[in-house]
Amino acid sequence: MKAFQNNIPFLSAILVGLIAMPIALLGFDFSFYPGDLGDARFNIYLLEHGYQFLLGKHEWYWNAPFMYPVENVITVSDNLLGTVPVYSVFRVLGFDTFTSFQLWFIAVFALNFTAAYWLFNWLFKNRYAAAVAAFIFAFSISSQSQMGHAQVFARFFIPLAFLFIFKFGKELKPKYFFLAALCVVGQFYCGIYLGMLTILPFVAVTLTLVAWRYKLLLQNVKKLKWWGFMVASVIVNAALLFKLMWPYYQRSLISLPDSYENIFVTLPKFISYVFAKNGSLLWKSLEAIATDIPAWYNHQLFPGIFVCISLMAACFLLLKYKEKNRLEISLLFIAGLVTLLFFIRVDDFTLYQYIYKIPGFQSLRSLTRIIGIDLLFFGLVAGIFVKYLTEKFPKRQMVIFPLLLGFIVLDNYVDPKMTYRSPKNIARERVDALVAKMNHLPAGTLISYEPEIVDNGAAIQLDAMLASQALELKCLNGYSATSPATFTPYWIEPNAENRGYWLESVGIDPDLRVVIK
């Protein structure tokens, strides 16, 4: 009974959060999925491709059978490998691809909350503060702006990486360093964007902790066993990261990075953090204040008034904070604040210009996704404030917490009708109709879907990809973040002329026999 009571903050916050955000977006009848007919369904394709790879249906993961005959075609975008096992559980249980994607969506948000709760409960030693901080990390209104990009949903390795590096900083035990580095690598496998963006604050915190414990470090460096474990940790994690990133490096040698000017405009501005998601319950007055920003819908990063109040309160509370884990909380606060400031642009200036020079960062094309890291900082300041309130009035904790949680839900609530979502039945019907046209073809057949009317080029490409995937066919059709220049006309309008142009450019007979109208 006591164990249940101790977990009431965790259970109530995760339950309310899941209902108010991912489940509300999907609908209680699961009639919607996050995103549109383009990016969202491409991510469904990636998850299903990973599942089929686990079943042994593909010899080489990176060579997916779309955009034929491009080699290592998966590397033209993110891959979601780290969460394929989560998706696969639902496929094994018998759910179809769309429903499995919906269940994967809920599961990922539950994992985000749980991982953040572990970190914040260890930092604060206060279940109420941990529950609120984890709620902000997992269910913040500011993450709604990224709801069309499934590759940034999974963030659960980020708080775990900091949890283990903080534990490493206590006694410099190699096992915690290994686990921390493994979580950073795990975040790369879940989504390369957030993996890249995690590196900077993680490295800064790690170096600071090691410098702070320099006396203990001097003792450990004399031990051969300690060095052996540390070197082994680096080698294992480097090998795992190399396994993932080497195909992307090979891709980078034959593709040009986006220009700095195009990347610059994707950096948030200060006004982005007071620009509320349209459909918010309390902040309609902030929903149109920055619609002049290019791709403004990605800049709706307002985290709610509770986080704003908490940020101001935390600045004062940390000055007199003398409890356990003060160092770790202060480090995470500073790292989060500095990270936020490095990814802000003011007129023509940004500190990101220095980060851009670091190898690999030239490949990041949408920097509003830094909100995935900011949310750890926002959760931290909310937790600091809640810890103060609940410990200032210990006899009223059971009153303060539900009131705070209730307000935070309202503060972060967005009308599901205004979220980035699409009807599942329409998406499924488009694929099923095409499957019916092609189900007579033997597995491995190369097809080109070329409808007479091209109303939505991206949607048509995904229709073909998902239908051919279901039937284990190969397809010329393709969709991704980038593609070879000679493929672009066919991407925009798949027809005989553009098909011939593409096939001739790659040295294949342009007279493809299996064309689906």
Protein backbone atom coordinates (compact mmCIF):
# COMPACT_ATOMS: atom_id res chain seq x y z
CA MET A 1 0.00 0.00 0.00
CA LYS A 2 2.82 2.38 0.89
CA ALA A 3 4.59 1.58 -2.37
CA PHE A 4 1.43 2.51 -4.27
CA GLN A 5 1.11 5.79 -2.35
CA ASN A 6 4.75 6.63 -3.08
CA ASN A 7 4.08 6.17 -6.78
CA ILE A 8 0.90 8.26 -6.92
CA PRO A 9 2.72 11.34 -8.33
CA PHE A 10 4.33 9.23 -11.07
CA LEU A 11 1.16 7.31 -11.95
CA SER A 12 -1.17 10.31 -11.92
CA ALA A 13 1.15 12.51 -13.98
CA ILE A 14 1.89 9.89 -16.66
CA LEU A 15 -1.76 8.86 -16.95
CA VAL A 16 -3.02 12.43 -17.27
CA GLY A 17 -0.21 13.32 -19.65
CA LEU A 18 -0.82 10.36 -21.97
CA ILE A 19 -4.56 11.07 -22.11
CA ALA A 20 -4.14 14.83 -22.62
CA MET A 21 -1.53 14.63 -25.36
CA PRO A 22 -0.79 11.50 -27.44
CA ILE A 23 -4.12 9.73 -26.85
CA ALA A 24 -6.12 12.93 -27.38
CA LEU A 25 -4.25 13.48 -30.65
CA LEU A 26 -4.97 9.92 -31.83
CA GLY A 27 -8.58 10.03 -30.68
CA PHE A 28 -9.97 7.49 -28.24
CA ASP A 29 -11.09 5.42 -31.23
CA PHE A 30 -7.58 5.64 -32.75
CA SER A 31 -8.96 7.34 -35.86
CA PHE A 32 -5.94 9.65 -36.34
CA TYR A 33 -2.17 9.37 -36.47
CA PRO A 34 0.41 12.14 -35.87
CA GLY A 35 1.62 13.95 -38.99
CA ASP A 36 0.48 13.96 -42.60
CA LEU A 37 0.43 11.77 -45.71
CA GLY A 38 4.13 12.52 -46.24
CA ASP A 39 6.69 12.49 -43.41
CA ALA A 40 4.55 10.51 -40.98
CA ARG A 41 3.95 7.66 -43.41
CA PHE A 42 7.60 7.68 -44.40
CA ASN A 43 8.42 7.04 -40.75
CA ILE A 44 5.87 4.22 -40.73
CA TYR A 45 7.71 2.78 -43.72
CA LEU A 46 11.02 3.00 -41.85
CA LEU A 47 9.66 1.28 -38.75
CA GLU A 48 8.06 -1.46 -40.84
CA HIS A 49 11.28 -1.88 -42.83
CA GLY A 50 13.15 -2.35 -39.55
CA TYR A 51 10.60 -4.91 -38.40
CA GLN A 52 10.88 -6.83 -41.69
CA PHE A 53 14.67 -6.72 -41.38
CA LEU A 54 14.42 -8.35 -37.94
CA LEU A 55 12.28 -11.06 -39.54
CA GLY A 56 15.06 -11.71 -42.06
CA LYS A 57 13.25 -10.35 -45.12
CA HIS A 58 16.10 -8.01 -46.08
CA GLU A 59 19.76 -9.00 -46.34
CA TRP A 60 21.12 -5.48 -45.81
CA TYR A 61 19.17 -3.00 -43.70
CA TRP A 62 20.32 0.12 -45.51
CA ASN A 63 19.20 -1.10 -48.94
CA ALA A 64 15.45 -0.63 -48.67
CA PRO A 65 13.51 -1.45 -51.87
CA PHE A 66 12.41 2.09 -52.80
CA MET A 67 13.89 4.80 -55.04
CA TYR A 68 15.40 1.91 -57.00
CA PRO A 69 18.32 1.42 -57.63
CA VAL A 70 19.82 3.86 -55.09
CA GLU A 71 22.23 2.05 -52.76
CA ASN A 72 22.03 2.59 -48.97
CA VAL A 73 18.85 4.56 -49.61
CA ILE A 74 17.89 4.63 -45.92
CA THR A 75 20.78 7.05 -45.33
CA VAL A 76 19.04 9.83 -47.23
CA SER A 77 17.04 10.38 -44.04
CA ASP A 78 16.80 9.33 -40.40
CA ASN A 79 16.16 5.66 -39.61
CA LEU A 80 14.41 5.20 -36.20
CA LEU A 81 16.40 2.00 -35.60
CA GLY A 82 16.48 2.52 -31.84
CA THR A 83 12.71 2.24 -31.50
CA VAL A 84 12.10 -0.50 -34.07
CA PRO A 85 11.92 -3.06 -31.20
CA VAL A 86 9.08 -1.05 -29.60
CA TYR A 87 7.16 -0.97 -32.88
CA SER A 88 7.93 -4.64 -33.52
CA VAL A 89 6.25 -5.69 -30.27
CA PHE A 90 2.93 -4.42 -31.57
CA ARG A 91 3.44 -6.02 -34.99
CA VAL A 92 4.18 -9.37 -33.31
CA LEU A 93 0.96 -8.96 -31.31
CA GLY A 94 -0.93 -8.80 -34.61
CA PHE A 95 -1.61 -5.10 -35.10
CA ASP A 96 -1.31 -3.64 -38.60
CA THR A 97 1.28 -1.04 -39.58
CA PHE A 98 -0.85 2.04 -38.88
CA THR A 99 -2.16 0.84 -35.52
CA SER A 100 1.33 -0.31 -34.51
CA PHE A 101 2.58 3.19 -35.33
CA GLN A 102 -0.11 4.68 -33.11
CA LEU A 103 0.75 2.34 -30.23
CA TRP A 104 4.45 3.04 -30.79
CA PHE A 105 3.61 6.76 -30.50
CA ILE A 106 2.00 6.27 -27.09
CA ALA A 107 4.74 3.95 -25.88
CA VAL A 108 7.49 6.39 -26.84
CA PHE A 109 5.85 9.19 -24.85
CA ALA A 110 5.47 6.87 -21.86
CA LEU A 111 9.17 6.02 -22.10
CA ASN A 112 10.08 9.71 -22.36
CA PHE A 113 8.16 10.44 -19.17
CA THR A 114 9.52 7.44 -17.27
CA ALA A 115 13.16 8.13 -18.13
CA ALA A 116 12.82 11.80 -17.20
CA TYR A 117 11.14 10.85 -13.92
CA TRP A 118 14.10 8.60 -13.01
CA LEU A 119 16.53 11.44 -13.62
CA PHE A 120 14.59 14.12 -11.79
CA ASN A 121 13.64 11.90 -8.86
CA TRP A 122 17.35 11.10 -8.40
CA LEU A 123 18.24 14.80 -8.62
CA PHE A 124 15.51 16.21 -6.38
CA LYS A 125 14.71 13.31 -4.05
CA ASN A 126 11.17 14.62 -4.34
CA ARG A 127 8.49 12.60 -6.18
CA TYR A 128 6.23 15.60 -6.77
CA ALA A 129 8.97 17.68 -8.33
CA ALA A 130 10.09 14.70 -10.43
CA ALA A 131 6.56 14.06 -11.73
CA VAL A 132 6.02 17.66 -12.79
CA ALA A 133 9.49 17.94 -14.36
CA ALA A 134 8.93 14.69 -16.29
CA PHE A 135 5.49 15.91 -17.41
CA ILE A 136 7.05 19.04 -18.90
CA PHE A 137 9.74 16.99 -20.64
CA ALA A 138 7.31 14.48 -22.13
CA PHE A 139 4.08 16.42 -22.72
CA SER A 140 4.96 20.11 -23.08
CA ILE A 141 2.91 22.27 -25.44
CA SER A 142 6.19 23.37 -27.01
CA SER A 143 6.78 19.88 -28.42
CA GLN A 144 3.50 20.11 -30.35
CA SER A 145 5.26 22.16 -33.03
CA GLN A 146 7.38 19.11 -33.89
CA MET A 147 4.48 16.66 -34.04
CA GLY A 148 4.93 16.21 -37.77
CA HIS A 149 8.45 14.81 -37.30
CA ALA A 150 8.26 11.33 -35.77
CA GLN A 151 12.06 11.06 -35.72
CA VAL A 152 12.17 13.47 -32.74
CA PHE A 153 9.46 11.76 -30.66
CA ALA A 154 11.81 9.32 -28.92
CA ARG A 155 13.87 11.27 -26.36
CA PHE A 156 14.06 8.84 -23.47
CA PHE A 157 17.80 8.22 -23.77
CA ILE A 158 18.59 11.90 -23.14
CA PRO A 159 17.63 12.04 -19.43
CA LEU A 160 19.15 8.59 -18.90
CA ALA A 161 22.46 9.77 -20.36
CA PHE A 162 22.57 12.62 -17.84
CA LEU A 163 21.44 10.38 -14.99
CA PHE A 164 24.32 7.97 -15.55
CA ILE A 165 26.93 10.67 -16.14
CA PHE A 166 25.89 12.33 -12.88
CA LYS A 167 26.30 8.98 -11.12
CA PHE A 168 29.68 8.63 -12.79
CA GLY A 169 30.62 12.06 -11.45
CA LYS A 170 30.04 10.95 -7.87
CA GLU A 171 32.75 8.27 -7.73
CA LEU A 172 34.05 8.05 -11.32
CA LYS A 173 32.95 4.42 -11.61
CA PRO A 174 33.51 3.19 -15.20
CA LYS A 175 30.20 1.30 -15.36
CA TYR A 176 28.28 4.57 -15.13
CA PHE A 177 30.45 6.15 -17.81
CA PHE A 178 29.76 3.18 -20.05
CA LEU A 179 25.99 3.42 -19.46
CA ALA A 180 25.99 7.19 -20.02
CA ALA A 181 27.88 6.87 -23.30
CA LEU A 182 25.63 3.96 -24.31
CA CYS A 183 22.56 6.15 -23.78
CA VAL A 184 24.02 8.89 -25.99
CA VAL A 185 24.64 6.28 -28.68
CA GLY A 186 21.13 4.98 -28.09
CA GLN A 187 19.75 8.44 -28.76
CA PHE A 188 21.59 8.48 -32.10
CA TYR A 189 19.88 5.20 -32.95
CA CYS A 190 16.50 6.66 -32.01
CA GLY A 191 17.08 9.84 -34.02
CA ILE A 192 20.32 11.30 -35.33
CA TYR A 193 19.12 14.88 -34.91
CA LEU A 194 18.63 14.63 -31.17
CA GLY A 195 21.71 12.48 -30.84
CA MET A 196 23.81 15.24 -32.38
CA LEU A 197 22.13 17.92 -30.29
CA THR A 198 22.67 15.93 -27.07
CA ILE A 199 26.43 15.74 -27.54
CA LEU A 200 27.25 19.37 -26.73
CA PRO A 201 25.62 19.68 -23.27
CA PHE A 202 26.58 16.10 -22.43
CA VAL A 203 30.28 16.64 -23.17
CA ALA A 204 30.26 19.98 -21.31
CA VAL A 205 28.69 18.39 -18.21
CA THR A 206 31.04 15.38 -18.35
CA LEU A 207 34.21 17.48 -18.57
CA THR A 208 33.04 19.73 -15.74
CA LEU A 209 32.27 16.78 -13.48
CA VAL A 210 35.67 15.18 -14.16
CA ALA A 211 37.44 18.48 -13.49
CA TRP A 212 35.45 18.90 -10.27
CA ARG A 213 36.55 15.45 -9.09
CA TYR A 214 40.16 15.92 -10.18
CA LYS A 215 41.57 14.56 -6.90
CA LEU A 216 39.60 11.34 -7.32
CA LEU A 217 40.60 11.28 -10.98
CA LEU A 218 44.29 11.46 -10.04
CA GLN A 219 43.82 8.42 -7.80
CA ASN A 220 41.99 6.41 -10.48
CA VAL A 221 44.38 7.11 -13.34
CA LYS A 222 47.01 5.15 -11.43
CA LYS A 223 44.83 2.03 -11.57
CA LEU A 224 45.28 -0.17 -14.64
CA LYS A 225 41.89 -1.84 -14.07
CA TRP A 226 40.09 1.54 -14.09
CA TRP A 227 41.82 2.51 -17.32
CA GLY A 228 40.96 -0.85 -18.86
CA PHE A 229 37.24 -0.43 -18.16
CA MET A 230 37.22 3.18 -19.38
CA VAL A 231 39.02 2.36 -22.62
CA ALA A 232 36.73 -0.62 -23.19
CA SER A 233 33.71 1.63 -22.65
CA VAL A 234 34.95 4.07 -25.27
CA ILE A 235 35.77 1.32 -27.78
CA VAL A 236 32.42 -0.46 -27.45
CA ASN A 237 30.36 2.70 -27.74
CA ALA A 238 32.51 4.08 -30.55
CA ALA A 239 32.03 0.82 -32.45
CA LEU A 240 28.26 0.96 -32.00
CA LEU A 241 28.17 4.57 -33.17
CA PHE A 242 30.47 3.82 -36.09
CA LYS A 243 28.17 0.98 -37.17
CA LEU A 244 25.30 3.46 -37.42
CA MET A 245 27.08 6.49 -38.81
CA TRP A 246 29.47 4.97 -41.36
CA PRO A 247 26.74 4.57 -44.03
CA TYR A 248 25.76 8.21 -43.44
CA TYR A 249 29.37 9.30 -43.83
CA GLN A 250 29.52 7.46 -47.15
CA ARG A 251 26.33 9.24 -48.21
CA SER A 252 27.82 12.62 -47.25
CA LEU A 253 30.67 12.05 -49.73
CA ILE A 254 28.24 12.03 -52.66
CA SER A 255 25.72 14.64 -51.49
CA LEU A 256 26.07 18.35 -50.79
CA PRO A 257 25.13 19.77 -47.37
CA ASP A 258 22.51 22.48 -47.18
CA SER A 259 23.79 26.04 -47.19
CA TYR A 260 24.40 27.86 -43.92
CA GLU A 261 21.91 30.54 -44.98
CA ASN A 262 19.11 27.98 -45.30
CA ILE A 263 20.00 26.44 -41.95
CA PHE A 264 20.28 29.82 -40.23
CA VAL A 265 16.60 30.67 -40.75
CA THR A 266 15.56 27.48 -38.95
CA LEU A 267 17.19 28.66 -35.71
CA PRO A 268 14.65 29.79 -33.09
CA LYS A 269 14.35 33.47 -32.20
CA PHE A 270 13.55 34.72 -28.71
CA ILE A 271 10.00 35.36 -29.88
CA SER A 272 9.74 31.65 -30.80
CA TYR A 273 9.64 30.87 -27.09
CA VAL A 274 6.55 33.04 -26.56
CA PHE A 275 4.90 31.88 -29.80
CA ALA A 276 2.16 29.45 -28.76
CA LYS A 277 0.86 26.46 -30.70
CA ASN A 278 -2.42 27.30 -32.41
CA GLY A 279 -5.27 25.55 -30.65
CA SER A 280 -3.86 26.16 -27.17
CA LEU A 281 -6.45 26.42 -24.43
CA LEU A 282 -5.05 29.42 -22.55
CA TRP A 283 -2.69 31.17 -24.96
CA LYS A 284 -4.72 32.17 -28.03
CA SER A 285 -3.30 35.68 -27.77
CA LEU A 286 0.18 34.23 -28.48
CA GLU A 287 -0.79 32.10 -31.48
CA ALA A 288 -0.13 34.63 -34.24
CA ILE A 289 2.74 36.78 -32.97
CA ALA A 290 5.45 35.32 -35.24
CA THR A 291 3.74 33.98 -38.36
CA ASP A 292 6.14 36.02 -40.50
CA ILE A 293 9.01 33.60 -39.66
CA PRO A 294 9.80 31.10 -42.46
CA ALA A 295 8.23 27.74 -41.55
CA TRP A 296 6.64 29.51 -38.58
CA TYR A 297 4.71 26.37 -37.57
CA ASN A 298 8.01 24.83 -36.41
CA HIS A 299 8.74 27.87 -34.23
CA GLN A 300 5.76 27.60 -31.87
CA LEU A 301 8.00 26.81 -28.91
CA PHE A 302 6.18 28.56 -26.04
CA PRO A 303 6.54 26.16 -23.07
CA GLY A 304 3.64 27.55 -21.03
CA ILE A 305 3.48 30.12 -18.26
CA PHE A 306 4.41 27.65 -15.53
CA VAL A 307 7.83 27.06 -17.06
CA CYS A 308 8.32 30.84 -17.45
CA ILE A 309 7.50 31.42 -13.79
CA SER A 310 9.65 28.47 -12.76
CA LEU A 311 12.62 29.79 -14.74
CA MET A 312 12.53 33.09 -12.86
CA ALA A 313 12.05 31.32 -9.54
CA ALA A 314 14.88 28.85 -10.22
CA CYS A 315 17.37 31.65 -10.83
CA PHE A 316 16.85 32.80 -7.24
CA LEU A 317 16.34 29.39 -5.62
CA LEU A 318 19.60 27.99 -6.99
CA LEU A 319 21.55 30.81 -5.33
CA LYS A 320 20.67 29.44 -1.91
CA TYR A 321 20.28 25.78 -2.88
CA LYS A 322 22.35 23.74 -0.43
CA GLU A 323 20.79 20.30 -0.66
CA LYS A 324 22.18 17.08 -2.09
CA ASN A 325 22.98 17.09 -5.82
CA ARG A 326 23.37 20.85 -5.90
CA LEU A 327 26.34 20.49 -8.25
CA GLU A 328 24.46 18.25 -10.69
CA ILE A 329 21.33 20.43 -10.69
CA SER A 330 23.39 23.58 -11.21
CA LEU A 331 25.39 21.98 -14.00
CA LEU A 332 22.25 20.84 -15.82
CA PHE A 333 20.72 24.29 -15.38
CA ILE A 334 23.78 26.06 -16.81
CA ALA A 335 24.22 23.54 -19.64
CA GLY A 336 20.55 23.85 -20.58
CA LEU A 337 20.60 27.63 -20.51
CA VAL A 338 23.81 27.86 -22.53
CA THR A 339 22.50 25.36 -25.08
CA LEU A 340 19.33 27.38 -25.50
CA LEU A 341 21.32 30.58 -26.04
CA PHE A 342 23.67 28.95 -28.57
CA PHE A 343 20.68 27.98 -30.70
CA ILE A 344 19.05 31.43 -30.71
CA ARG A 345 19.37 33.92 -33.55
CA VAL A 346 19.12 37.67 -33.07
CA ASP A 347 18.83 39.52 -36.37
CA ASP A 348 21.84 38.26 -38.36
CA PHE A 349 23.80 36.98 -35.36
CA THR A 350 23.88 33.58 -33.69
CA LEU A 351 26.41 31.71 -31.60
CA TYR A 352 25.45 28.63 -33.60
CA GLN A 353 27.84 29.78 -36.31
CA TYR A 354 30.64 28.29 -34.18
CA ILE A 355 28.82 24.99 -33.64
CA TYR A 356 28.10 24.75 -37.37
CA LYS A 357 31.84 24.37 -37.98
CA ILE A 358 31.94 21.14 -35.96
CA PRO A 359 31.97 18.13 -38.35
CA GLY A 360 28.51 16.63 -38.73
CA PHE A 361 26.48 19.67 -37.73
CA GLN A 362 26.31 20.88 -41.34
CA SER A 363 23.86 18.03 -41.95
CA LEU A 364 21.26 19.38 -39.48
CA ARG A 365 18.64 21.22 -41.52
CA SER A 366 15.90 22.02 -38.99
CA LEU A 367 17.24 23.51 -35.77
CA THR A 368 13.93 24.22 -34.06
CA ARG A 369 14.27 20.57 -33.07
CA ILE A 370 16.57 21.80 -30.32
CA ILE A 371 13.34 21.97 -28.32
CA GLY A 372 13.90 18.26 -27.62
CA ILE A 373 16.95 19.27 -25.54
CA ASP A 374 15.41 22.48 -24.18
CA LEU A 375 12.60 20.44 -22.63
CA LEU A 376 15.06 18.81 -20.23
CA PHE A 377 16.04 22.30 -19.09
CA PHE A 378 12.38 23.41 -18.88
CA GLY A 379 11.54 20.32 -16.86
CA LEU A 380 14.46 21.00 -14.52
CA VAL A 381 13.36 24.55 -13.66
CA ALA A 382 9.76 23.39 -13.14
CA GLY A 383 11.04 20.70 -10.78
CA ILE A 384 13.15 23.16 -8.80
CA PHE A 385 10.11 25.35 -8.23
CA VAL A 386 7.81 22.45 -7.30
CA LYS A 387 10.41 21.04 -4.91
CA TYR A 388 10.52 24.40 -3.15
CA LEU A 389 6.73 24.66 -2.89
CA THR A 390 6.13 21.10 -1.67
CA GLU A 391 8.92 21.26 0.90
CA LYS A 392 7.96 24.76 2.04
CA PHE A 393 4.49 23.43 2.88
CA PRO A 394 5.06 19.72 3.62
CA LYS A 395 1.65 19.16 5.23
CA ARG A 396 -0.13 20.42 2.11
CA GLN A 397 1.78 18.42 -0.50
CA MET A 398 -1.26 16.31 -1.39
CA VAL A 399 -3.19 19.50 -2.10
CA ILE A 400 -0.43 21.47 -3.83
CA PHE A 401 0.53 18.68 -6.25
CA PRO A 402 -2.91 17.99 -7.82
CA LEU A 403 -3.56 21.72 -8.10
CA LEU A 404 -0.22 22.27 -9.81
CA LEU A 405 -0.69 19.25 -12.08
CA GLY A 406 -4.18 20.40 -13.03
CA PHE A 407 -2.95 23.88 -13.92
CA ILE A 408 0.02 22.50 -15.88
CA VAL A 409 -2.31 20.29 -17.93
CA LEU A 410 -4.43 23.34 -18.82
CA ASP A 411 -1.28 25.38 -19.44
CA ASN A 412 -0.05 22.82 -21.98
CA TYR A 413 -3.32 21.64 -23.49
CA VAL A 414 -3.91 21.91 -27.23
CA ASP A 415 -7.23 21.19 -28.92
CA PRO A 416 -6.68 17.81 -30.66
CA LYS A 417 -8.45 19.17 -33.76
CA MET A 418 -5.64 21.72 -34.10
CA THR A 419 -2.77 19.26 -33.71
CA TYR A 420 -0.71 17.88 -36.58
CA ARG A 421 -2.65 14.73 -37.35
CA SER A 422 -4.33 12.91 -40.24
CA PRO A 423 -7.25 10.46 -40.52
CA LYS A 424 -6.00 6.88 -40.40
CA ASN A 425 -8.80 5.50 -42.58
CA ILE A 426 -7.88 7.78 -45.51
CA ALA A 427 -4.20 6.87 -45.33
CA ARG A 428 -5.00 3.17 -45.05
CA GLU A 429 -7.56 3.24 -47.90
CA ARG A 430 -5.03 4.84 -50.27
CA VAL A 431 -2.56 2.03 -49.63
CA ASP A 432 -5.17 -0.75 -49.68
CA ALA A 433 -6.50 0.42 -53.05
CA LEU A 434 -3.02 0.22 -54.54
CA VAL A 435 -2.33 -3.16 -52.92
CA ALA A 436 -5.46 -4.48 -54.65
CA LYS A 437 -4.00 -3.41 -58.02
CA MET A 438 -0.66 -5.09 -57.40
CA ASN A 439 -1.36 -8.19 -55.33
CA HIS A 440 -1.10 -10.43 -58.40
CA LEU A 441 2.60 -9.56 -58.82
CA PRO A 442 5.23 -11.99 -57.51
CA ALA A 443 7.49 -10.85 -54.67
CA GLY A 444 10.56 -8.95 -55.84
CA THR A 445 8.88 -7.41 -58.91
CA LEU A 446 10.04 -3.87 -59.71
CA ILE A 447 7.10 -1.49 -60.18
CA SER A 448 6.48 2.17 -60.94
CA TYR A 449 3.25 3.77 -59.76
CA GLU A 450 2.25 6.45 -62.25
CA PRO A 451 -1.34 7.63 -61.72
CA GLU A 452 -2.89 9.83 -64.40
CA ILE A 453 -3.71 12.57 -61.88
CA VAL A 454 -0.94 13.67 -59.49
CA ASP A 455 -2.74 15.67 -56.81
CA ASN A 456 -0.10 15.23 -54.11
CA GLY A 457 3.30 14.01 -55.29
CA ALA A 458 4.59 13.14 -51.82
CA ALA A 459 1.45 11.22 -50.91
CA ILE A 460 1.55 9.26 -54.17
CA GLN A 461 5.17 8.27 -53.62
CA LEU A 462 4.33 7.03 -50.12
CA ASP A 463 1.26 5.15 -51.39
CA ALA A 464 3.54 3.23 -53.74
CA MET A 465 6.22 2.64 -51.12
CA LEU A 466 3.83 1.33 -48.47
CA ALA A 467 1.86 -0.83 -50.91
CA SER A 468 5.01 -2.36 -52.43
CA GLN A 469 6.39 -2.92 -48.93
CA ALA A 470 3.25 -4.81 -47.93
CA LEU A 471 3.60 -7.06 -51.00
CA GLU A 472 7.41 -7.38 -50.78
CA LEU A 473 7.91 -5.65 -54.11
CA LYS A 474 10.56 -3.17 -55.26
CA CYS A 475 9.54 0.27 -56.44
CA LEU A 476 11.00 3.14 -58.39
CA ASN A 477 8.88 5.51 -56.32
CA GLY A 478 10.60 7.14 -53.40
CA TYR A 479 10.28 9.78 -50.72
CA SER A 480 12.89 11.25 -48.41
CA ALA A 481 14.60 14.41 -47.23
CA THR A 482 16.93 14.42 -50.23
CA SER A 483 17.30 12.55 -53.49
CA PRO A 484 19.58 12.44 -56.56
CA ALA A 485 19.00 15.43 -58.84
CA THR A 486 17.94 13.24 -61.76
CA PHE A 487 15.27 11.63 -59.57
CA THR A 488 13.60 14.95 -58.71
CA PRO A 489 11.35 15.24 -61.82
CA TYR A 490 10.02 11.71 -61.20
CA TRP A 491 9.57 12.56 -57.49
CA ILE A 492 7.40 15.55 -58.42
CA GLU A 493 5.44 13.79 -61.15
CA PRO A 494 5.93 10.05 -61.73
CA ASN A 495 5.26 9.47 -65.44
CA ALA A 496 6.88 7.70 -68.41
CA GLU A 497 9.05 10.65 -69.42
CA ASN A 498 10.45 11.32 -65.94
CA ARG A 499 10.82 7.62 -65.27
CA GLY A 500 12.87 7.24 -68.44
CA TYR A 501 15.05 10.22 -67.51
CA TRP A 502 15.79 8.70 -64.10
CA LEU A 503 16.50 5.18 -65.34
CA GLU A 504 18.76 6.37 -68.15
CA SER A 505 20.73 8.46 -65.63
CA VAL A 506 21.51 5.31 -63.62
CA GLY A 507 22.18 3.11 -66.63
CA ILE A 508 18.99 1.03 -66.61
CA ASP A 509 16.68 0.23 -69.54
CA PRO A 510 13.99 2.97 -69.30
CA ASP A 511 11.29 0.64 -70.67
CA LEU A 512 10.07 -0.65 -67.32
CA ARG A 513 7.43 -3.31 -67.87
CA VAL A 514 5.39 -3.13 -64.67
CA VAL A 515 3.75 0.28 -64.56
CA ILE A 516 0.76 0.75 -62.27
CA LYS A 517 -1.79 3.40 -63.23
